[in-house]
Amino acid sequence: MDNSNKEVTLEQLKKYDELKKMLTDFGSAAVSFSGGVDSTFLLFVAKKALGDKVIAVTSKSYLFPQRELNEAKEFCIKNKIRHFIFESEELKIEGFSQNPKNRCYLCKHELFEKIIKIAEDEGIDTILEGSNLDDNGDYRPGLQAVAKLGIKSPLRSIGFTKEDIRALSRYLGLPTWEKPSFACLASRFVYGETITKEKLGMVDKAEQLLLDLGFDQMRVRIHGNMARIEIMPEEFDKMMKDDVRNQIISSFKEFGFTYITMDLIGYRTGSMNEVLNKGV
């Protein structure tokens, strides 16, 4: 992703100033921090606005690769932000493993209940999460849990788009400004397919291999024992090189996949939600 020639706009700077004022008015805050593009930007600005009165809270989970947790830890250490990490147990939530359509609601509700408890223990009333305006365009049941529990979404309420966040992140010198978008590994499962620790591990290993091979924005969707690879169309030729293709095939089979396919549409967010739009 190359935004190197893109300057921050006056409108984006205005949103940034509005965000700092909003965060300052909260007095203190706990930020749900995954280490991704949005939550990193939100946490960084919250630190500027609130200083030591902001904390970061991150879940350690089978749904997120260890590399994401490591990056979150490093960011908080570098920026001197108090960081709380708790064990998340999504697979123990009743109904979650069956991967229903409201899976994200079940997960987010459990996640934020734990964050609320940590915040209360630290004397903090305001909980923040990093969804943005673009998240309104997809099926996002997790946002229902956010609303129900009174979690604040300042980026969304002010009207930040992903483009705004990346541009301002670059302007602020954040390393995540060009980080590929990431969603929890449960989003790789077709609705109704049982989510297990073993299958999550298969997806994690498969995506890590693609990252190691230089594919940045990608997903490995799991359908039973079949892997459906989504990459950017401009990287299709790279995928078809014999050495790359053969390495993917042999490694994916070692991970436990029987069939390995490439999606001809290419990478897009929420592809597992496409069946919902058709009423399937």
Protein backbone atom coordinates (compact mmCIF):
# COMPACT_ATOMS: atom_id res chain seq x y z
CA MET A 1 0.00 0.00 0.00
CA ASP A 2 1.54 3.30 -1.05
CA ASN A 3 0.20 6.57 0.31
CA SER A 4 3.63 8.18 0.04
CA ASN A 5 2.44 10.93 -2.30
CA LYS A 6 -0.69 11.67 -0.34
CA GLU A 7 -0.73 14.76 1.88
CA VAL A 8 -3.05 15.09 4.85
CA THR A 9 -6.00 17.39 4.07
CA LEU A 10 -7.38 20.30 6.05
CA GLU A 11 -10.58 18.34 6.59
CA GLN A 12 -8.62 15.43 8.04
CA LEU A 13 -6.70 17.77 10.35
CA LYS A 14 -10.00 19.25 11.48
CA LYS A 15 -11.29 15.77 12.36
CA TYR A 16 -8.04 15.12 14.20
CA ASP A 17 -8.46 18.27 16.31
CA GLU A 18 -12.09 17.36 17.00
CA LEU A 19 -11.01 13.91 18.14
CA LYS A 20 -8.38 15.30 20.51
CA LYS A 21 -10.95 17.63 22.06
CA MET A 22 -13.49 14.82 22.47
CA LEU A 23 -10.94 12.56 24.11
CA THR A 24 -9.72 15.33 26.41
CA ASP A 25 -13.30 15.93 27.56
CA PHE A 26 -13.62 12.28 28.62
CA GLY A 27 -11.02 12.89 31.33
CA SER A 28 -9.82 9.27 31.25
CA ALA A 29 -10.39 6.28 28.99
CA ALA A 30 -9.71 2.60 28.39
CA VAL A 31 -9.07 1.77 24.73
CA SER A 32 -9.83 -1.66 23.30
CA PHE A 33 -6.51 -2.18 21.56
CA SER A 34 -5.83 -4.86 18.96
CA GLY A 35 -2.72 -3.32 17.41
CA GLY A 36 -4.53 -2.73 14.11
CA VAL A 37 -4.68 0.46 12.06
CA ASP A 38 -7.75 1.97 13.72
CA SER A 39 -7.17 1.13 17.38
CA THR A 40 -3.50 2.15 17.16
CA PHE A 41 -4.46 5.57 15.81
CA LEU A 42 -7.17 5.98 18.45
CA LEU A 43 -4.86 4.93 21.29
CA PHE A 44 -2.06 7.21 20.10
CA VAL A 45 -4.32 10.26 19.97
CA ALA A 46 -5.87 9.30 23.33
CA LYS A 47 -2.38 9.21 24.84
CA LYS A 48 -1.69 12.68 23.49
CA ALA A 49 -5.00 13.98 24.87
CA LEU A 50 -5.11 12.18 28.21
CA GLY A 51 -1.53 11.29 29.06
CA ASP A 52 -1.34 8.78 31.90
CA LYS A 53 -5.13 8.75 32.22
CA VAL A 54 -5.49 6.38 29.28
CA ILE A 55 -4.95 2.62 29.37
CA ALA A 56 -4.86 0.03 26.60
CA VAL A 57 -6.66 -3.29 27.01
CA THR A 58 -5.91 -6.27 24.74
CA SER A 59 -7.24 -9.80 24.70
CA LYS A 60 -4.96 -12.79 24.26
CA SER A 61 -6.96 -15.15 22.11
CA TYR A 62 -6.84 -18.06 19.69
CA LEU A 63 -8.67 -15.73 17.31
CA PHE A 64 -5.64 -13.48 16.87
CA PRO A 65 -2.09 -14.46 15.84
CA GLN A 66 0.69 -14.02 18.36
CA ARG A 67 2.37 -11.50 16.04
CA GLU A 68 -0.58 -9.12 16.57
CA LEU A 69 -0.25 -9.34 20.35
CA ASN A 70 3.51 -8.81 20.14
CA GLU A 71 3.05 -5.67 18.04
CA ALA A 72 0.46 -4.35 20.50
CA LYS A 73 2.86 -4.90 23.41
CA GLU A 74 5.74 -3.20 21.60
CA PHE A 75 3.61 -0.16 20.73
CA CYS A 76 2.53 0.36 24.34
CA ILE A 77 6.06 -0.04 25.66
CA LYS A 78 7.42 2.45 23.12
CA ASN A 79 4.72 5.01 23.90
CA LYS A 80 4.73 4.43 27.68
CA ILE A 81 1.08 3.39 27.79
CA ARG A 82 -0.18 1.16 30.58
CA HIS A 83 -1.21 -2.07 28.92
CA PHE A 84 -3.59 -4.67 30.35
CA ILE A 85 -3.76 -8.10 28.68
CA PHE A 86 -6.40 -10.66 29.58
CA GLU A 87 -7.12 -14.20 28.46
CA SER A 88 -10.13 -14.29 26.17
CA GLU A 89 -12.19 -17.47 26.03
CA GLU A 90 -14.44 -17.08 23.01
CA LEU A 91 -14.56 -20.82 22.32
CA LYS A 92 -16.22 -21.29 25.71
CA ILE A 93 -19.02 -18.81 24.98
CA GLU A 94 -22.28 -20.70 24.54
CA GLY A 95 -23.09 -20.97 20.83
CA PHE A 96 -19.94 -19.23 19.57
CA SER A 97 -18.16 -22.34 18.27
CA GLN A 98 -21.15 -23.19 16.08
CA ASN A 99 -20.38 -19.97 14.19
CA PRO A 100 -23.88 -18.46 14.04
CA LYS A 101 -24.60 -15.25 12.12
CA ASN A 102 -24.41 -13.27 15.37
CA ARG A 103 -21.02 -14.76 16.28
CA CYS A 104 -19.38 -11.33 16.36
CA TYR A 105 -22.02 -10.04 18.78
CA LEU A 106 -21.35 -12.91 21.19
CA CYS A 107 -17.61 -12.32 21.00
CA LYS A 108 -17.69 -8.53 21.37
CA HIS A 109 -20.15 -8.71 24.27
CA GLU A 110 -17.81 -11.02 26.19
CA LEU A 111 -14.76 -8.95 25.24
CA PHE A 112 -16.16 -5.63 26.37
CA GLU A 113 -17.61 -7.01 29.59
CA LYS A 114 -14.04 -7.94 30.56
CA ILE A 115 -12.68 -4.56 29.45
CA ILE A 116 -15.38 -2.80 31.49
CA LYS A 117 -14.31 -4.77 34.58
CA ILE A 118 -10.63 -3.81 34.10
CA ALA A 119 -11.60 -0.16 33.56
CA GLU A 120 -13.74 -0.14 36.70
CA ASP A 121 -10.86 -1.54 38.72
CA GLU A 122 -8.72 1.34 37.41
CA GLY A 123 -11.36 3.97 38.16
CA ILE A 124 -12.12 4.63 34.47
CA ASP A 125 -15.70 5.15 33.25
CA THR A 126 -15.19 5.59 29.50
CA ILE A 127 -14.45 2.65 27.18
CA LEU A 128 -13.39 3.37 23.60
CA GLU A 129 -13.23 1.19 20.49
CA GLY A 130 -11.84 1.98 17.06
CA SER A 131 -14.53 1.27 14.46
CA ASN A 132 -14.74 3.86 11.68
CA LEU A 133 -17.34 5.14 9.25
CA ASP A 134 -16.51 2.49 6.64
CA ASP A 135 -17.56 -0.23 9.09
CA ASN A 136 -21.17 0.87 8.66
CA GLY A 137 -21.19 -0.59 5.16
CA ASP A 138 -20.90 -4.29 6.09
CA TYR A 139 -22.75 -6.73 8.31
CA ARG A 140 -21.27 -5.92 11.74
CA PRO A 141 -23.26 -7.49 14.60
CA GLY A 142 -20.38 -6.68 16.92
CA LEU A 143 -21.39 -3.03 16.75
CA GLN A 144 -24.71 -3.98 18.34
CA ALA A 145 -22.81 -5.20 21.40
CA VAL A 146 -20.81 -1.97 21.41
CA ALA A 147 -24.02 0.08 21.46
CA LYS A 148 -25.73 -2.13 24.07
CA LEU A 149 -22.84 -1.89 26.52
CA GLY A 150 -22.38 1.88 26.11
CA ILE A 151 -18.94 1.66 24.50
CA LYS A 152 -17.98 4.86 22.70
CA SER A 153 -16.80 4.88 19.06
CA PRO A 154 -15.25 8.34 18.59
CA LEU A 155 -13.77 7.66 15.15
CA ARG A 156 -17.15 6.59 13.80
CA SER A 157 -19.09 9.38 15.52
CA ILE A 158 -16.77 12.08 14.15
CA GLY A 159 -16.85 10.55 10.68
CA PHE A 160 -13.35 9.14 10.19
CA THR A 161 -12.94 6.88 7.18
CA LYS A 162 -10.18 4.30 6.85
CA GLU A 163 -8.51 6.63 4.35
CA ASP A 164 -8.54 9.45 6.92
CA ILE A 165 -7.02 7.20 9.58
CA ARG A 166 -4.23 5.95 7.31
CA ALA A 167 -3.37 9.46 6.12
CA LEU A 168 -3.26 10.87 9.64
CA SER A 169 -1.38 7.84 10.93
CA ARG A 170 1.32 8.52 8.35
CA TYR A 171 1.30 12.22 9.26
CA LEU A 172 1.81 11.26 12.94
CA GLY A 173 4.57 8.78 12.10
CA LEU A 174 2.66 5.68 13.19
CA PRO A 175 4.04 2.40 11.79
CA THR A 176 0.53 1.10 11.17
CA TRP A 177 -0.34 3.67 8.50
CA GLU A 178 0.27 1.09 5.77
CA LYS A 179 -0.46 -2.04 7.79
CA PRO A 180 -2.86 -4.41 5.97
CA SER A 181 -6.37 -4.58 7.40
CA PHE A 182 -6.91 -7.52 9.71
CA ALA A 183 -9.96 -9.15 11.26
CA CYS A 184 -10.18 -11.95 13.79
CA LEU A 185 -9.54 -15.45 12.46
CA ALA A 186 -13.15 -16.50 13.14
CA SER A 187 -14.13 -14.34 10.16
CA ARG A 188 -12.41 -16.90 7.90
CA PHE A 189 -15.08 -19.53 8.67
CA VAL A 190 -18.26 -20.01 6.66
CA TYR A 191 -21.33 -19.46 8.86
CA GLY A 192 -22.43 -22.69 10.51
CA GLU A 193 -19.03 -24.37 10.33
CA THR A 194 -17.71 -25.30 13.76
CA ILE A 195 -14.83 -23.12 14.95
CA THR A 196 -12.14 -25.13 16.69
CA LYS A 197 -8.70 -24.36 18.07
CA GLU A 198 -7.21 -26.75 15.49
CA LYS A 199 -8.89 -25.08 12.50
CA LEU A 200 -7.96 -21.63 13.78
CA GLY A 201 -4.37 -22.87 13.90
CA MET A 202 -4.60 -24.07 10.30
CA VAL A 203 -5.77 -20.66 9.12
CA ASP A 204 -3.16 -18.84 11.21
CA LYS A 205 -0.30 -20.93 9.78
CA ALA A 206 -1.62 -20.56 6.23
CA GLU A 207 -1.89 -16.78 6.46
CA GLN A 208 1.51 -16.50 8.10
CA LEU A 209 3.01 -18.43 5.18
CA LEU A 210 1.43 -16.01 2.69
CA LEU A 211 2.79 -13.07 4.68
CA ASP A 212 6.23 -14.65 4.67
CA LEU A 213 5.96 -15.05 0.89
CA GLY A 214 5.28 -11.32 0.56
CA PHE A 215 1.49 -11.22 0.14
CA ASP A 216 0.32 -8.27 2.24
CA GLN A 217 -3.45 -7.88 1.98
CA MET A 218 -4.88 -11.40 1.93
CA ARG A 219 -7.21 -13.87 3.62
CA VAL A 220 -7.38 -17.66 3.83
CA ARG A 221 -11.04 -18.65 4.14
CA ILE A 222 -11.78 -22.16 5.38
CA HIS A 223 -14.59 -24.32 3.99
CA GLY A 224 -14.37 -27.73 5.65
CA ASN A 225 -11.03 -29.11 4.47
CA MET A 226 -10.72 -26.57 1.64
CA ALA A 227 -8.71 -23.35 1.76
CA ARG A 228 -9.95 -20.43 -0.39
CA ILE A 229 -7.15 -17.89 -0.81
CA GLU A 230 -8.02 -14.24 -1.37
CA ILE A 231 -5.22 -11.94 -2.53
CA MET A 232 -5.13 -8.67 -4.46
CA PRO A 233 -5.73 -9.24 -8.21
CA GLU A 234 -2.44 -7.54 -9.05
CA GLU A 235 -0.68 -10.37 -7.21
CA PHE A 236 -2.37 -13.22 -9.09
CA ASP A 237 0.66 -13.67 -11.37
CA LYS A 238 2.94 -13.97 -8.35
CA MET A 239 0.72 -16.68 -6.88
CA MET A 240 0.92 -18.67 -10.12
CA LYS A 241 4.71 -18.84 -10.22
CA ASP A 242 5.63 -22.51 -9.94
CA ASP A 243 7.90 -22.18 -6.91
CA VAL A 244 5.38 -20.08 -4.97
CA ARG A 245 2.38 -22.21 -5.95
CA ASN A 246 4.14 -25.47 -5.10
CA GLN A 247 5.29 -24.18 -1.73
CA ILE A 248 1.75 -23.08 -0.87
CA ILE A 249 0.30 -26.42 -1.93
CA SER A 250 2.77 -28.53 0.04
CA SER A 251 2.62 -26.34 3.15
CA PHE A 252 -1.17 -26.01 3.20
CA LYS A 253 -1.47 -29.79 2.97
CA GLU A 254 0.90 -30.10 5.92
CA PHE A 255 -1.32 -27.69 7.83
CA GLY A 256 -4.31 -30.00 7.25
CA PHE A 257 -6.02 -28.70 4.09
CA THR A 258 -7.00 -31.21 1.40
CA TYR A 259 -7.99 -28.73 -1.30
CA ILE A 260 -6.33 -25.36 -2.01
CA THR A 261 -8.13 -22.82 -4.21
CA MET A 262 -7.66 -19.18 -5.24
CA ASP A 263 -10.66 -16.83 -5.33
CA LEU A 264 -10.78 -15.18 -8.77
CA ILE A 265 -12.55 -12.11 -7.39
CA GLY A 266 -9.63 -11.48 -5.08
CA TYR A 267 -9.35 -10.01 -1.61
CA ARG A 268 -12.31 -8.13 -0.14
CA THR A 269 -13.53 -7.58 3.39
CA GLY A 270 -16.53 -9.55 4.62
CA SER A 271 -16.64 -12.08 1.80
CA MET A 272 -18.22 -14.63 4.15
CA ASN A 273 -21.16 -12.20 4.50
CA GLU A 274 -22.00 -12.41 0.79
CA VAL A 275 -24.30 -15.36 1.45
CA LEU A 276 -26.29 -13.21 3.88
CA ASN A 277 -27.10 -10.72 1.14
CA LYS A 278 -28.57 -13.58 -0.90
CA GLY A 279 -30.61 -14.87 2.00
CA VAL A 280 -28.70 -18.16 2.08
